[in-house]
């Protein structure tokens, strides 16, 4: 699988936030496909719902602040064939 072949689906709660907030949607749309994918992967990869909720809140804050990628995230492991065995 090539890097460009993998895209995460936009989670329902993120889509609802984008639909409800024009400023967030505009900033989100300004991100590259890869950057959006990184944010979605970072948010949804949390094992605990509590962590996922914190990441979702931080995603919204960071995107509104103009950040282009999630801080301290090595990148979507789903795009690397060598990591595929660890994911469904």
Protein backbone atom coordinates (compact mmCIF):
# COMPACT_ATOMS: atom_id res chain seq x y z
CA UNK A 1 0.00 0.00 0.00
CA UNK A 2 1.46 3.34 -0.99
CA UNK A 3 1.32 6.31 1.37
CA UNK A 4 -1.23 8.10 -0.79
CA UNK A 5 -3.50 5.05 -0.88
CA UNK A 6 -4.49 5.13 2.77
CA UNK A 7 -7.05 7.61 4.06
CA UNK A 8 -8.93 7.44 7.34
CA UNK A 9 -12.65 8.15 7.23
CA UNK A 10 -13.70 11.33 8.99
CA UNK A 11 -15.26 10.32 12.34
CA UNK A 12 -18.88 11.38 12.83
CA UNK A 13 -18.08 13.61 15.82
CA UNK A 14 -15.40 15.45 13.84
CA UNK A 15 -17.71 15.90 10.87
CA UNK A 16 -20.40 17.28 13.20
CA UNK A 17 -17.89 19.75 14.69
CA UNK A 18 -16.82 20.84 11.19
CA UNK A 19 -20.45 21.29 10.13
CA UNK A 20 -21.19 23.38 13.23
CA UNK A 21 -18.11 25.63 13.16
CA UNK A 22 -17.29 27.57 9.99
CA UNK A 23 -13.90 28.72 11.31
CA UNK A 24 -12.86 25.18 12.18
CA UNK A 25 -14.09 23.91 8.81
CA UNK A 26 -12.15 26.60 6.95
CA UNK A 27 -8.92 25.80 8.81
CA UNK A 28 -9.51 22.07 8.34
CA UNK A 29 -10.07 22.52 4.61
CA UNK A 30 -6.80 24.46 4.41
CA UNK A 31 -4.84 21.43 5.68
CA UNK A 32 -3.35 18.96 3.25
CA UNK A 33 -4.96 15.54 2.86
CA UNK A 34 -1.98 14.04 4.66
CA UNK A 35 -2.27 16.47 7.58
CA UNK A 36 -6.00 15.77 7.97
CA UNK A 37 -5.26 12.06 7.88
CA UNK A 38 -2.58 12.45 10.56
CA UNK A 39 -4.97 14.32 12.86
CA UNK A 40 -7.72 11.74 12.37
CA UNK A 41 -5.34 8.83 12.99
CA UNK A 42 -3.90 10.50 16.09
CA UNK A 43 -7.36 11.20 17.50
CA UNK A 44 -8.91 7.82 16.77
CA UNK A 45 -5.94 5.63 17.69
CA UNK A 46 -6.38 6.26 21.41
CA UNK A 47 -7.32 3.10 23.27
CA UNK A 48 -9.33 4.84 25.99
CA UNK A 49 -12.42 6.91 25.25
CA UNK A 50 -11.16 9.53 27.73
CA UNK A 51 -7.93 9.94 25.78
CA UNK A 52 -9.79 10.06 22.48
CA UNK A 53 -12.04 12.83 23.86
CA UNK A 54 -8.99 14.82 25.02
CA UNK A 55 -7.34 14.43 21.63
CA UNK A 56 -10.53 15.51 19.86
CA UNK A 57 -10.68 18.68 21.98
CA UNK A 58 -6.98 19.31 21.32
CA UNK A 59 -7.43 18.69 17.59
CA UNK A 60 -10.08 21.40 17.41
CA UNK A 61 -7.96 23.83 19.44
CA UNK A 62 -4.78 23.20 17.45
CA UNK A 63 -6.45 23.41 14.05
CA UNK A 64 -8.13 26.70 15.03
CA UNK A 65 -4.72 27.96 16.21
CA UNK A 66 -3.30 27.21 12.77
CA UNK A 67 -1.22 24.15 13.60
CA UNK A 68 -0.68 21.94 10.59
CA UNK A 69 0.01 18.55 12.23
CA UNK A 70 -0.52 16.94 15.64
CA UNK A 71 2.45 17.56 17.90
CA UNK A 72 4.64 14.63 18.86
CA UNK A 73 2.94 12.18 16.48
CA UNK A 74 5.35 10.12 14.39
CA UNK A 75 2.82 9.77 11.61
CA UNK A 76 0.04 7.42 10.66
CA UNK A 77 1.34 3.87 11.10
CA UNK A 78 -1.49 2.58 8.91
CA UNK A 79 0.31 3.95 5.84
CA UNK A 80 3.36 1.74 6.44
CA UNK A 81 3.03 -1.79 5.15
CA UNK A 82 5.40 -3.02 7.87
CA UNK A 83 2.92 -1.83 10.51
CA UNK A 84 -0.19 -3.38 8.95
CA UNK A 85 0.00 -6.49 11.11
CA UNK A 86 -0.75 -4.37 14.20
CA UNK A 87 -4.05 -2.97 12.88
CA UNK A 88 -7.40 -4.37 11.77
